[in-house]
Amino acid sequence: MRIIFAGTPDFAAESLKALLQTEHTVCAVYTQPDRPAGRGRKLTPSPVKQIALEHAIPVEQPLNFKSEDSLATLDSYQADLMVVVAYGLLLPQAVLDTPRLGCINVHASLLPRWRGAAPIQRAILAGDTETGVGIMKMEAGLDTGPVLLEKRCPIDNDDTAQVLHDRLATLGAEALVSSLAEIENRLAQARPQDEAHKTYAHKLEKQEALIDWQHTAEQILRQVNAFNPWPVAQTQWQGDTMRIWLAQLADTRQSGQPGEVLTVDKQGIDIACGSGALRITQLQVPGKRAMTVRDFLNANQLKVGEQLG
């Protein structure tokens, strides 16, 4: 088949790399416009664009598909199928109808659970024990289309959003390649989603990262895991923001007021929660990189009985 690939971040790049290993032809790549990145705020191509350039694939970066020219360009590629992975634009019906077989999407959840922008983080935050990827025939609605293929994987207690992202990116690439075999039959037999079980993975907001130590240790651990690498769970310490990158449930019989420092050693810092305690193992203070508790204690004093938050 002649396939148009539309995607932007690292998650999508894994699917594009897998697609390039198949017998199909990627005739064009659509991706978001270059964005400023790094300290110099230099315009930087997306991970997907970088791969496309390495393979001399034509790259299109429209702001939207509202103009006739953008639709005409899309049509000129005469694609059989469009594969969409974390592209970053809602596609109008005119785009969905352009390829001969329509458009399919690689989505990082078990649909209809966690439709929307942040399915990986929301699954961790909610305490889900399982997630996966779905290959979906795209409709005009947000992640509402029928599912062609699904692959599942567990969510472990120590999985951060980054760790789970990387696992699902690989799984999504595998699922995509599998779905292309007998694609017309798969499209015809795709499973409609059960609307009664839909949930929405709303976009992450920075204020969600603020820890409320009244919550249980389990809830706060999910917050730490879900918000690594962004926006990173945080609390107040001695008037500054302390960002908590990694933590685990503390094995302690001690108790205290929520936010109270219970124990301090080079293995971790135990903090009392509304129920149970959390052990901080990697953190960050202003002007410094993320560091282990051992490195933090080499340069800072934090005492039992101090209050966080």
C-alpha atoms as a PDB file:
ATOM      1  CA  MET A   1       0.000   0.000   0.000  1.00  0.00           C
ATOM      2  CA  ARG A   2       0.851   3.674  -0.307  1.00  0.00           C
ATOM      3  CA  ILE A   3       0.628   5.031   3.237  1.00  0.00           C
ATOM      4  CA  ILE A   4       0.652   8.572   4.612  1.00  0.00           C
ATOM      5  CA  PHE A   5       2.009   8.716   8.165  1.00  0.00           C
ATOM      6  CA  ALA A   6       0.876  11.505  10.505  1.00  0.00           C
ATOM      7  CA  GLY A   7       2.574  11.842  13.889  1.00  0.00           C
ATOM      8  CA  THR A   8       4.845  14.073  15.925  1.00  0.00           C
ATOM      9  CA  PRO A   9       6.544  12.893  19.195  1.00  0.00           C
ATOM     10  CA  ASP A  10       8.796   9.969  20.138  1.00  0.00           C
ATOM     11  CA  PHE A  11       5.778   7.724  20.688  1.00  0.00           C
ATOM     12  CA  ALA A  12       4.827   8.145  17.020  1.00  0.00           C
ATOM     13  CA  ALA A  13       8.419   7.784  15.826  1.00  0.00           C
ATOM     14  CA  GLU A  14       8.476   4.143  16.981  1.00  0.00           C
ATOM     15  CA  SER A  15       5.494   3.337  14.739  1.00  0.00           C
ATOM     16  CA  LEU A  16       7.049   5.132  11.765  1.00  0.00           C
ATOM     17  CA  LYS A  17      10.306   3.208  12.175  1.00  0.00           C
ATOM     18  CA  ALA A  18       8.373  -0.076  12.235  1.00  0.00           C
ATOM     19  CA  LEU A  19       6.324   0.932   9.194  1.00  0.00           C
ATOM     20  CA  LEU A  20       9.499   1.644   7.232  1.00  0.00           C
ATOM     21  CA  GLN A  21      10.567  -1.984   7.791  1.00  0.00           C
ATOM     22  CA  THR A  22       7.476  -3.325   6.001  1.00  0.00           C
ATOM     23  CA  GLU A  23       6.791  -3.828   2.293  1.00  0.00           C
ATOM     24  CA  HIS A  24       4.514  -0.769   2.245  1.00  0.00           C
ATOM     25  CA  THR A  25       5.543   2.641   0.880  1.00  0.00           C
ATOM     26  CA  VAL A  26       5.403   5.684   3.155  1.00  0.00           C
ATOM     27  CA  CYS A  27       4.649   8.264   0.486  1.00  0.00           C
ATOM     28  CA  ALA A  28       4.458  11.283   2.811  1.00  0.00           C
ATOM     29  CA  VAL A  29       4.815  12.268   6.452  1.00  0.00           C
ATOM     30  CA  TYR A  30       2.609  14.839   8.172  1.00  0.00           C
ATOM     31  CA  THR A  31       3.860  16.328  11.421  1.00  0.00           C
ATOM     32  CA  GLN A  32       3.489  19.426  13.588  1.00  0.00           C
ATOM     33  CA  PRO A  33       5.443  22.571  12.637  1.00  0.00           C
ATOM     34  CA  ASP A  34       8.954  22.858  14.099  1.00  0.00           C
ATOM     35  CA  ARG A  35       8.891  24.175  17.674  1.00  0.00           C
ATOM     36  CA  PRO A  36      11.449  26.066  19.799  1.00  0.00           C
ATOM     37  CA  ALA A  37      13.377  23.684  22.060  1.00  0.00           C
ATOM     38  CA  GLY A  38      16.349  23.686  24.406  1.00  0.00           C
ATOM     39  CA  ARG A  39      18.002  26.606  26.162  1.00  0.00           C
ATOM     40  CA  GLY A  40      18.578  28.460  22.905  1.00  0.00           C
ATOM     41  CA  ARG A  41      14.913  28.026  21.923  1.00  0.00           C
ATOM     42  CA  LYS A  42      16.079  26.972  18.471  1.00  0.00           C
ATOM     43  CA  LEU A  43      13.408  25.748  16.053  1.00  0.00           C
ATOM     44  CA  THR A  44      13.629  21.962  16.203  1.00  0.00           C
ATOM     45  CA  PRO A  45      11.981  19.359  13.948  1.00  0.00           C
ATOM     46  CA  SER A  46       9.802  16.719  15.602  1.00  0.00           C
ATOM     47  CA  PRO A  47      11.195  13.194  16.113  1.00  0.00           C
ATOM     48  CA  VAL A  48       8.909  12.007  13.297  1.00  0.00           C
ATOM     49  CA  LYS A  49      10.170  14.689  10.898  1.00  0.00           C
ATOM     50  CA  GLN A  50      13.769  13.762  11.673  1.00  0.00           C
ATOM     51  CA  ILE A  51      13.125  10.146  10.648  1.00  0.00           C
ATOM     52  CA  ALA A  52      11.297  11.255   7.498  1.00  0.00           C
ATOM     53  CA  LEU A  53      14.221  13.464   6.459  1.00  0.00           C
ATOM     54  CA  GLU A  54      16.689  10.624   7.074  1.00  0.00           C
ATOM     55  CA  HIS A  55      14.670   8.478   4.630  1.00  0.00           C
ATOM     56  CA  ALA A  56      14.031  11.258   2.073  1.00  0.00           C
ATOM     57  CA  ILE A  57      10.270  11.097   2.594  1.00  0.00           C
ATOM     58  CA  PRO A  58       8.270  14.237   1.680  1.00  0.00           C
ATOM     59  CA  VAL A  59       7.228  16.164   4.822  1.00  0.00           C
ATOM     60  CA  GLU A  60       4.091  18.292   5.180  1.00  0.00           C
ATOM     61  CA  GLN A  61       3.522  20.558   8.205  1.00  0.00           C
ATOM     62  CA  PRO A  62       0.172  22.334   7.800  1.00  0.00           C
ATOM     63  CA  LEU A  63      -1.198  24.342  10.736  1.00  0.00           C
ATOM     64  CA  ASN A  64      -4.605  22.804   9.950  1.00  0.00           C
ATOM     65  CA  PHE A  65      -6.619  21.397   7.062  1.00  0.00           C
ATOM     66  CA  LYS A  66      -9.003  24.316   6.573  1.00  0.00           C
ATOM     67  CA  SER A  67      -7.675  25.411   3.166  1.00  0.00           C
ATOM     68  CA  GLU A  68      -8.446  23.784  -0.177  1.00  0.00           C
ATOM     69  CA  ASP A  69      -4.719  23.740  -0.921  1.00  0.00           C
ATOM     70  CA  SER A  70      -3.969  21.572   2.121  1.00  0.00           C
ATOM     71  CA  LEU A  71      -6.660  19.073   1.095  1.00  0.00           C
ATOM     72  CA  ALA A  72      -5.464  19.075  -2.514  1.00  0.00           C
ATOM     73  CA  THR A  73      -1.899  18.349  -1.373  1.00  0.00           C
ATOM     74  CA  LEU A  74      -3.120  15.449   0.755  1.00  0.00           C
ATOM     75  CA  ASP A  75      -5.128  14.065  -2.164  1.00  0.00           C
ATOM     76  CA  SER A  76      -2.144  14.350  -4.522  1.00  0.00           C
ATOM     77  CA  TYR A  77      -0.305  11.576  -2.687  1.00  0.00           C
ATOM     78  CA  GLN A  78      -2.989   9.075  -3.790  1.00  0.00           C
ATOM     79  CA  ALA A  79      -2.657   7.133  -0.537  1.00  0.00           C
ATOM     80  CA  ASP A  80      -4.417   3.867   0.212  1.00  0.00           C
ATOM     81  CA  LEU A  81      -4.304   4.502   3.954  1.00  0.00           C
ATOM     82  CA  MET A  82      -3.338   7.175   6.481  1.00  0.00           C
ATOM     83  CA  VAL A  83      -1.765   6.056   9.766  1.00  0.00           C
ATOM     84  CA  VAL A  84      -2.127   8.589  12.595  1.00  0.00           C
ATOM     85  CA  VAL A  85      -0.111   8.351  15.829  1.00  0.00           C
ATOM     86  CA  ALA A  86      -0.096  11.236  18.342  1.00  0.00           C
ATOM     87  CA  TYR A  87      -0.247  13.760  15.503  1.00  0.00           C
ATOM     88  CA  GLY A  88      -1.618  16.649  17.558  1.00  0.00           C
ATOM     89  CA  LEU A  89      -4.398  17.792  15.186  1.00  0.00           C
ATOM     90  CA  LEU A  90      -8.050  16.783  15.086  1.00  0.00           C
ATOM     91  CA  LEU A  91      -8.678  15.647  11.524  1.00  0.00           C
ATOM     92  CA  PRO A  92     -11.830  16.871   9.760  1.00  0.00           C
ATOM     93  CA  GLN A  93     -14.053  14.443   7.858  1.00  0.00           C
ATOM     94  CA  ALA A  94     -12.621  15.656   4.526  1.00  0.00           C
ATOM     95  CA  VAL A  95      -9.194  14.354   5.590  1.00  0.00           C
ATOM     96  CA  LEU A  96     -10.560  11.072   6.931  1.00  0.00           C
ATOM     97  CA  ASP A  97     -12.286  10.462   3.577  1.00  0.00           C
ATOM     98  CA  THR A  98      -9.250  11.202   1.379  1.00  0.00           C
ATOM     99  CA  PRO A  99      -7.243   7.930   1.553  1.00  0.00           C
ATOM    100  CA  ARG A 100      -8.868   4.975  -0.235  1.00  0.00           C
ATOM    101  CA  LEU A 101      -9.231   2.965   2.990  1.00  0.00           C
ATOM    102  CA  GLY A 102      -9.562   5.933   5.334  1.00  0.00           C
ATOM    103  CA  CYS A 103      -7.418   6.580   8.424  1.00  0.00           C
ATOM    104  CA  ILE A 104      -6.358   4.368  11.327  1.00  0.00           C
ATOM    105  CA  ASN A 105      -4.951   5.507  14.673  1.00  0.00           C
ATOM    106  CA  VAL A 106      -2.579   3.961  17.221  1.00  0.00           C
ATOM    107  CA  HIS A 107      -3.968   4.897  20.644  1.00  0.00           C
ATOM    108  CA  ALA A 108      -2.265   4.181  23.987  1.00  0.00           C
ATOM    109  CA  SER A 109      -5.185   2.731  25.948  1.00  0.00           C
ATOM    110  CA  LEU A 110      -7.758  -0.034  25.912  1.00  0.00           C
ATOM    111  CA  LEU A 111     -10.600   1.868  24.272  1.00  0.00           C
ATOM    112  CA  PRO A 112     -13.152   3.114  25.190  1.00  0.00           C
ATOM    113  CA  ARG A 113     -11.198   3.656  28.432  1.00  0.00           C
ATOM    114  CA  TRP A 114      -9.059   6.793  28.361  1.00  0.00           C
ATOM    115  CA  ARG A 115      -9.993   8.477  25.138  1.00  0.00           C
ATOM    116  CA  GLY A 116      -8.179  11.767  24.712  1.00  0.00           C
ATOM    117  CA  ALA A 117      -4.866  13.499  25.277  1.00  0.00           C
ATOM    118  CA  ALA A 118      -3.176  11.798  28.258  1.00  0.00           C
ATOM    119  CA  PRO A 119      -4.194   8.118  28.405  1.00  0.00           C
ATOM    120  CA  ILE A 120      -0.897   6.849  29.834  1.00  0.00           C
ATOM    121  CA  GLN A 121      -0.807   9.273  32.753  1.00  0.00           C
ATOM    122  CA  ARG A 122      -4.518   8.949  33.532  1.00  0.00           C
ATOM    123  CA  ALA A 123      -4.297   5.154  33.655  1.00  0.00           C
ATOM    124  CA  ILE A 124      -1.490   5.330  36.242  1.00  0.00           C
ATOM    125  CA  LEU A 125      -3.235   8.063  38.226  1.00  0.00           C
ATOM    126  CA  ALA A 126      -6.446   6.053  38.394  1.00  0.00           C
ATOM    127  CA  GLY A 127      -4.630   2.976  39.703  1.00  0.00           C
ATOM    128  CA  ASP A 128      -5.361   0.831  36.638  1.00  0.00           C
ATOM    129  CA  THR A 129      -3.478  -2.458  36.718  1.00  0.00           C
ATOM    130  CA  GLU A 130      -3.655  -3.027  32.957  1.00  0.00           C
ATOM    131  CA  THR A 131      -3.464  -0.929  29.816  1.00  0.00           C
ATOM    132  CA  GLY A 132      -2.442  -1.448  26.209  1.00  0.00           C
ATOM    133  CA  VAL A 133      -2.745  -0.083  22.709  1.00  0.00           C
ATOM    134  CA  GLY A 134      -5.602  -0.135  20.252  1.00  0.00           C
ATOM    135  CA  ILE A 135      -5.606   0.257  16.467  1.00  0.00           C
ATOM    136  CA  MET A 136      -8.763   2.213  15.674  1.00  0.00           C
ATOM    137  CA  LYS A 137     -10.517   3.244  12.457  1.00  0.00           C
ATOM    138  CA  MET A 138     -10.802   6.997  12.802  1.00  0.00           C
ATOM    139  CA  GLU A 139     -14.090   8.875  12.889  1.00  0.00           C
ATOM    140  CA  ALA A 140     -14.776  12.588  13.338  1.00  0.00           C
ATOM    141  CA  GLY A 141     -15.333  12.070  17.112  1.00  0.00           C
ATOM    142  CA  LEU A 142     -12.491  12.016  19.659  1.00  0.00           C
ATOM    143  CA  ASP A 143     -11.159   8.407  19.704  1.00  0.00           C
ATOM    144  CA  THR A 144     -14.645   7.014  19.071  1.00  0.00           C
ATOM    145  CA  GLY A 145     -13.977   4.714  16.109  1.00  0.00           C
ATOM    146  CA  PRO A 146     -14.192   0.914  15.998  1.00  0.00           C
ATOM    147  CA  VAL A 147     -11.140  -1.090  17.102  1.00  0.00           C
ATOM    148  CA  LEU A 148      -9.319  -3.343  14.636  1.00  0.00           C
ATOM    149  CA  LEU A 149      -6.709  -4.814  16.968  1.00  0.00           C
ATOM    150  CA  GLU A 150      -5.722  -4.563  20.631  1.00  0.00           C
ATOM    151  CA  LYS A 151      -2.604  -5.521  22.582  1.00  0.00           C
ATOM    152  CA  ARG A 152      -2.563  -5.498  26.401  1.00  0.00           C
ATOM    153  CA  CYS A 153       0.150  -5.046  29.028  1.00  0.00           C
ATOM    154  CA  PRO A 154       0.229  -4.777  32.840  1.00  0.00           C
ATOM    155  CA  ILE A 155       0.936  -1.571  34.746  1.00  0.00           C
ATOM    156  CA  ASP A 156       3.481  -2.293  37.480  1.00  0.00           C
ATOM    157  CA  ASN A 157       3.562  -0.398  40.790  1.00  0.00           C
ATOM    158  CA  ASP A 158       6.858   1.277  39.931  1.00  0.00           C
ATOM    159  CA  ASP A 159       5.963   2.226  36.354  1.00  0.00           C
ATOM    160  CA  THR A 160       6.390   5.935  35.690  1.00  0.00           C
ATOM    161  CA  ALA A 161       4.606   7.551  32.760  1.00  0.00           C
ATOM    162  CA  GLN A 162       7.938   7.571  30.877  1.00  0.00           C
ATOM    163  CA  VAL A 163       8.569   3.866  31.444  1.00  0.00           C
ATOM    164  CA  LEU A 164       5.028   2.949  30.423  1.00  0.00           C
ATOM    165  CA  HIS A 165       5.193   5.342  27.444  1.00  0.00           C
ATOM    166  CA  ASP A 166       8.275   3.551  26.110  1.00  0.00           C
ATOM    167  CA  ARG A 167       6.713   0.110  26.577  1.00  0.00           C
ATOM    168  CA  LEU A 168       3.493   1.148  24.840  1.00  0.00           C
ATOM    169  CA  ALA A 169       5.351   2.875  21.995  1.00  0.00           C
ATOM    170  CA  THR A 170       7.006  -0.457  21.159  1.00  0.00           C
ATOM    171  CA  LEU A 171       3.743  -2.357  21.605  1.00  0.00           C
ATOM    172  CA  GLY A 172       1.915   0.169  19.418  1.00  0.00           C
ATOM    173  CA  ALA A 173       4.437  -0.239  16.618  1.00  0.00           C
ATOM    174  CA  GLU A 174       4.019  -4.028  16.753  1.00  0.00           C
ATOM    175  CA  ALA A 175       0.224  -3.735  16.746  1.00  0.00           C
ATOM    176  CA  LEU A 176       0.302  -1.353  13.795  1.00  0.00           C
ATOM    177  CA  VAL A 177       2.351  -3.711  11.646  1.00  0.00           C
ATOM    178  CA  SER A 178       0.082  -6.631  12.588  1.00  0.00           C
ATOM    179  CA  SER A 179      -3.040  -4.648  11.723  1.00  0.00           C
ATOM    180  CA  LEU A 180      -1.816  -3.947   8.182  1.00  0.00           C
ATOM    181  CA  ALA A 181      -2.045  -7.634   7.317  1.00  0.00           C
ATOM    182  CA  GLU A 182      -5.493  -8.193   5.767  1.00  0.00           C
ATOM    183  CA  ILE A 183      -6.311  -4.568   6.555  1.00  0.00           C
ATOM    184  CA  GLU A 184      -9.508  -4.503   4.500  1.00  0.00           C
ATOM    185  CA  ASN A 185     -10.931  -7.494   6.391  1.00  0.00           C
ATOM    186  CA  ARG A 186      -9.894  -5.974   9.714  1.00  0.00           C
ATOM    187  CA  LEU A 187     -11.607  -2.689   8.851  1.00  0.00           C
ATOM    188  CA  ALA A 188     -14.785  -4.516   7.874  1.00  0.00           C
ATOM    189  CA  GLN A 189     -14.807  -6.550  11.104  1.00  0.00           C
ATOM    190  CA  ALA A 190     -13.686  -3.814  13.514  1.00  0.00           C
ATOM    191  CA  ARG A 191     -15.312  -3.886  16.965  1.00  0.00           C
ATOM    192  CA  PRO A 192     -17.486  -0.880  17.860  1.00  0.00           C
ATOM    193  CA  GLN A 193     -16.613   0.703  21.202  1.00  0.00           C
ATOM    194  CA  ASP A 194     -18.990   0.290  24.149  1.00  0.00           C
ATOM    195  CA  GLU A 195     -20.075   3.851  24.910  1.00  0.00           C
ATOM    196  CA  ALA A 196     -21.271   2.812  28.382  1.00  0.00           C
ATOM    197  CA  HIS A 197     -17.645   2.300  29.481  1.00  0.00           C
ATOM    198  CA  LYS A 198     -16.012   5.395  27.993  1.00  0.00           C
ATOM    199  CA  THR A 199     -13.694   7.569  30.096  1.00  0.00           C
ATOM    200  CA  TYR A 200     -11.729  10.662  29.100  1.00  0.00           C
ATOM    201  CA  ALA A 201      -8.017  11.276  29.602  1.00  0.00           C
ATOM    202  CA  HIS A 202      -8.040  15.040  29.948  1.00  0.00           C
ATOM    203  CA  LYS A 203      -4.890  17.020  29.185  1.00  0.00           C
ATOM    204  CA  LEU A 204      -2.489  17.328  32.138  1.00  0.00           C
ATOM    205  CA  GLU A 205      -2.438  20.625  34.043  1.00  0.00           C
ATOM    206  CA  LYS A 206       0.547  21.860  36.063  1.00  0.00           C
ATOM    207  CA  GLN A 207      -1.520  22.434  39.204  1.00  0.00           C
ATOM    208  CA  GLU A 208      -2.356  18.710  39.363  1.00  0.00           C
ATOM    209  CA  ALA A 209       1.270  18.056  40.315  1.00  0.00           C
ATOM    210  CA  LEU A 210       0.944  19.691  43.751  1.00  0.00           C
ATOM    211  CA  ILE A 211       0.915  16.979  46.432  1.00  0.00           C
ATOM    212  CA  ASP A 212      -1.746  16.969  49.127  1.00  0.00           C
ATOM    213  CA  TRP A 213      -0.186  14.944  51.962  1.00  0.00           C
ATOM    214  CA  GLN A 214      -3.677  14.282  53.375  1.00  0.00           C
ATOM    215  CA  HIS A 215      -4.102  11.738  50.586  1.00  0.00           C
ATOM    216  CA  THR A 216      -3.058   8.107  51.054  1.00  0.00           C
ATOM    217  CA  ALA A 217       0.491   7.016  50.314  1.00  0.00           C
ATOM    218  CA  GLU A 218      -0.847   4.902  47.427  1.00  0.00           C
ATOM    219  CA  GLN A 219      -2.593   7.904  45.850  1.00  0.00           C
ATOM    220  CA  ILE A 220       0.485  10.108  46.160  1.00  0.00           C
ATOM    221  CA  LEU A 221       2.740   7.396  44.711  1.00  0.00           C
ATOM    222  CA  ARG A 222       0.448   7.174  41.676  1.00  0.00           C
ATOM    223  CA  GLN A 223       0.732  10.960  41.351  1.00  0.00           C
ATOM    224  CA  VAL A 224       4.540  10.790  41.452  1.00  0.00           C
ATOM    225  CA  ASN A 225       4.596   8.015  38.846  1.00  0.00           C
ATOM    226  CA  ALA A 226       1.987   9.559  36.545  1.00  0.00           C
ATOM    227  CA  PHE A 227       3.657  12.979  36.433  1.00  0.00           C
ATOM    228  CA  ASN A 228       7.179  11.748  35.662  1.00  0.00           C
ATOM    229  CA  PRO A 229       8.552  13.253  33.375  1.00  0.00           C
ATOM    230  CA  TRP A 230       5.962  16.092  33.275  1.00  0.00           C
ATOM    231  CA  PRO A 231       4.809  18.115  35.158  1.00  0.00           C
ATOM    232  CA  VAL A 232       6.570  16.256  38.050  1.00  0.00           C
ATOM    233  CA  ALA A 233       4.910  15.908  41.471  1.00  0.00           C
ATOM    234  CA  GLN A 234       5.928  18.698  43.845  1.00  0.00           C
ATOM    235  CA  THR A 235       5.658  19.974  47.394  1.00  0.00           C
ATOM    236  CA  GLN A 236       6.986  22.881  49.464  1.00  0.00           C
ATOM    237  CA  TRP A 237      10.109  22.546  51.611  1.00  0.00           C
ATOM    238  CA  GLN A 238      11.622  25.466  53.534  1.00  0.00           C
ATOM    239  CA  GLY A 239       9.824  27.929  51.261  1.00  0.00           C
ATOM    240  CA  ASP A 240      11.082  26.337  48.034  1.00  0.00           C
ATOM    241  CA  THR A 241       9.545  23.886  45.586  1.00  0.00           C
ATOM    242  CA  MET A 242      10.769  20.318  45.949  1.00  0.00           C
ATOM    243  CA  ARG A 243      10.002  18.143  42.931  1.00  0.00           C
ATOM    244  CA  ILE A 244       9.664  14.429  43.588  1.00  0.00           C
ATOM    245  CA  TRP A 245      10.762  12.279  40.664  1.00  0.00           C
ATOM    246  CA  LEU A 246      10.773   8.803  42.192  1.00  0.00           C
ATOM    247  CA  ALA A 247       9.231   7.311  45.317  1.00  0.00           C
ATOM    248  CA  GLN A 248       7.905   4.076  46.779  1.00  0.00           C
ATOM    249  CA  LEU A 249       5.651   3.013  49.603  1.00  0.00           C
ATOM    250  CA  ALA A 250       7.542   3.215  52.898  1.00  0.00           C
ATOM    251  CA  ASP A 251       7.831   0.098  55.033  1.00  0.00           C
ATOM    252  CA  THR A 252       7.480   1.808  58.409  1.00  0.00           C
ATOM    253  CA  ARG A 253       5.342   1.500  61.521  1.00  0.00           C
ATOM    254  CA  GLN A 254       5.895   5.146  62.400  1.00  0.00           C
ATOM    255  CA  SER A 255       3.132   7.663  61.925  1.00  0.00           C
ATOM    256  CA  GLY A 256       2.845  11.423  62.056  1.00  0.00           C
ATOM    257  CA  GLN A 257       0.957  14.408  60.754  1.00  0.00           C
ATOM    258  CA  PRO A 258       0.462  14.385  56.959  1.00  0.00           C
ATOM    259  CA  GLY A 259       3.579  15.879  55.380  1.00  0.00           C
ATOM    260  CA  GLU A 260       5.783  15.238  58.428  1.00  0.00           C
ATOM    261  CA  VAL A 261       9.288  13.862  57.858  1.00  0.00           C
ATOM    262  CA  LEU A 262       9.432  10.518  59.712  1.00  0.00           C
ATOM    263  CA  THR A 263      12.892   9.211  58.841  1.00  0.00           C
ATOM    264  CA  VAL A 264      15.885  10.517  56.920  1.00  0.00           C
ATOM    265  CA  ASP A 265      18.716   8.345  55.619  1.00  0.00           C
ATOM    266  CA  LYS A 266      20.660   7.882  52.406  1.00  0.00           C
ATOM    267  CA  GLN A 267      18.211   5.254  51.168  1.00  0.00           C
ATOM    268  CA  GLY A 268      15.230   7.619  51.253  1.00  0.00           C
ATOM    269  CA  ILE A 269      13.118  10.144  53.116  1.00  0.00           C
ATOM    270  CA  ASP A 270       9.890   8.810  54.642  1.00  0.00           C
ATOM    271  CA  ILE A 271       6.944  11.214  54.732  1.00  0.00           C
ATOM    272  CA  ALA A 272       3.704  10.638  56.654  1.00  0.00           C
ATOM    273  CA  CYS A 273       0.569  10.682  54.507  1.00  0.00           C
ATOM    274  CA  GLY A 274      -3.144  10.689  55.318  1.00  0.00           C
ATOM    275  CA  SER A 275      -2.743   6.914  55.426  1.00  0.00           C
ATOM    276  CA  GLY A 276       0.619   5.147  55.318  1.00  0.00           C
ATOM    277  CA  ALA A 277       3.926   6.783  54.390  1.00  0.00           C
ATOM    278  CA  LEU A 278       5.821   7.559  51.202  1.00  0.00           C
ATOM    279  CA  ARG A 279       9.575   7.089  50.745  1.00  0.00           C
ATOM    280  CA  ILE A 280      11.153   9.695  48.458  1.00  0.00           C
ATOM    281  CA  THR A 281      14.148   8.261  46.562  1.00  0.00           C
ATOM    282  CA  GLN A 282      14.844  10.861  43.870  1.00  0.00           C
ATOM    283  CA  LEU A 283      14.110  14.594  44.104  1.00  0.00           C
ATOM    284  CA  GLN A 284      14.990  18.008  42.749  1.00  0.00           C
ATOM    285  CA  VAL A 285      15.383  21.411  44.389  1.00  0.00           C
ATOM    286  CA  PRO A 286      15.605  24.807  42.623  1.00  0.00           C
ATOM    287  CA  GLY A 287      18.740  25.318  40.547  1.00  0.00           C
ATOM    288  CA  LYS A 288      19.713  21.633  40.669  1.00  0.00           C
ATOM    289  CA  ARG A 289      19.147  18.550  38.559  1.00  0.00           C
ATOM    290  CA  ALA A 290      17.135  15.590  39.792  1.00  0.00           C
ATOM    291  CA  MET A 291      19.267  13.638  42.268  1.00  0.00           C
ATOM    292  CA  THR A 292      19.229  10.673  44.616  1.00  0.00           C
ATOM    293  CA  VAL A 293      18.449  11.282  48.289  1.00  0.00           C
ATOM    294  CA  ARG A 294      22.056  10.363  49.073  1.00  0.00           C
ATOM    295  CA  ASP A 295      23.341  13.216  46.879  1.00  0.00           C
ATOM    296  CA  PHE A 296      20.697  15.599  48.231  1.00  0.00           C
ATOM    297  CA  LEU A 297      21.726  14.934  51.854  1.00  0.00           C
ATOM    298  CA  ASN A 298      25.381  15.542  51.012  1.00  0.00           C
ATOM    299  CA  ALA A 299      24.526  19.181  50.324  1.00  0.00           C
ATOM    300  CA  ASN A 300      21.335  19.803  52.326  1.00  0.00           C
ATOM    301  CA  GLN A 301      19.995  19.316  55.837  1.00  0.00           C
ATOM    302  CA  LEU A 302      16.559  17.868  56.278  1.00  0.00           C
ATOM    303  CA  LYS A 303      15.509  16.758  59.769  1.00  0.00           C
ATOM    304  CA  VAL A 304      12.958  14.391  61.246  1.00  0.00           C
ATOM    305  CA  GLY A 305       9.893  16.342  62.290  1.00  0.00           C
ATOM    306  CA  GLU A 306      10.113  18.919  59.492  1.00  0.00           C
ATOM    307  CA  GLN A 307       6.951  19.542  57.526  1.00  0.00           C
ATOM    308  CA  LEU A 308       6.513  19.338  53.761  1.00  0.00           C
ATOM    309  CA  GLY A 309       3.686  21.076  51.925  1.00  0.00           C
END
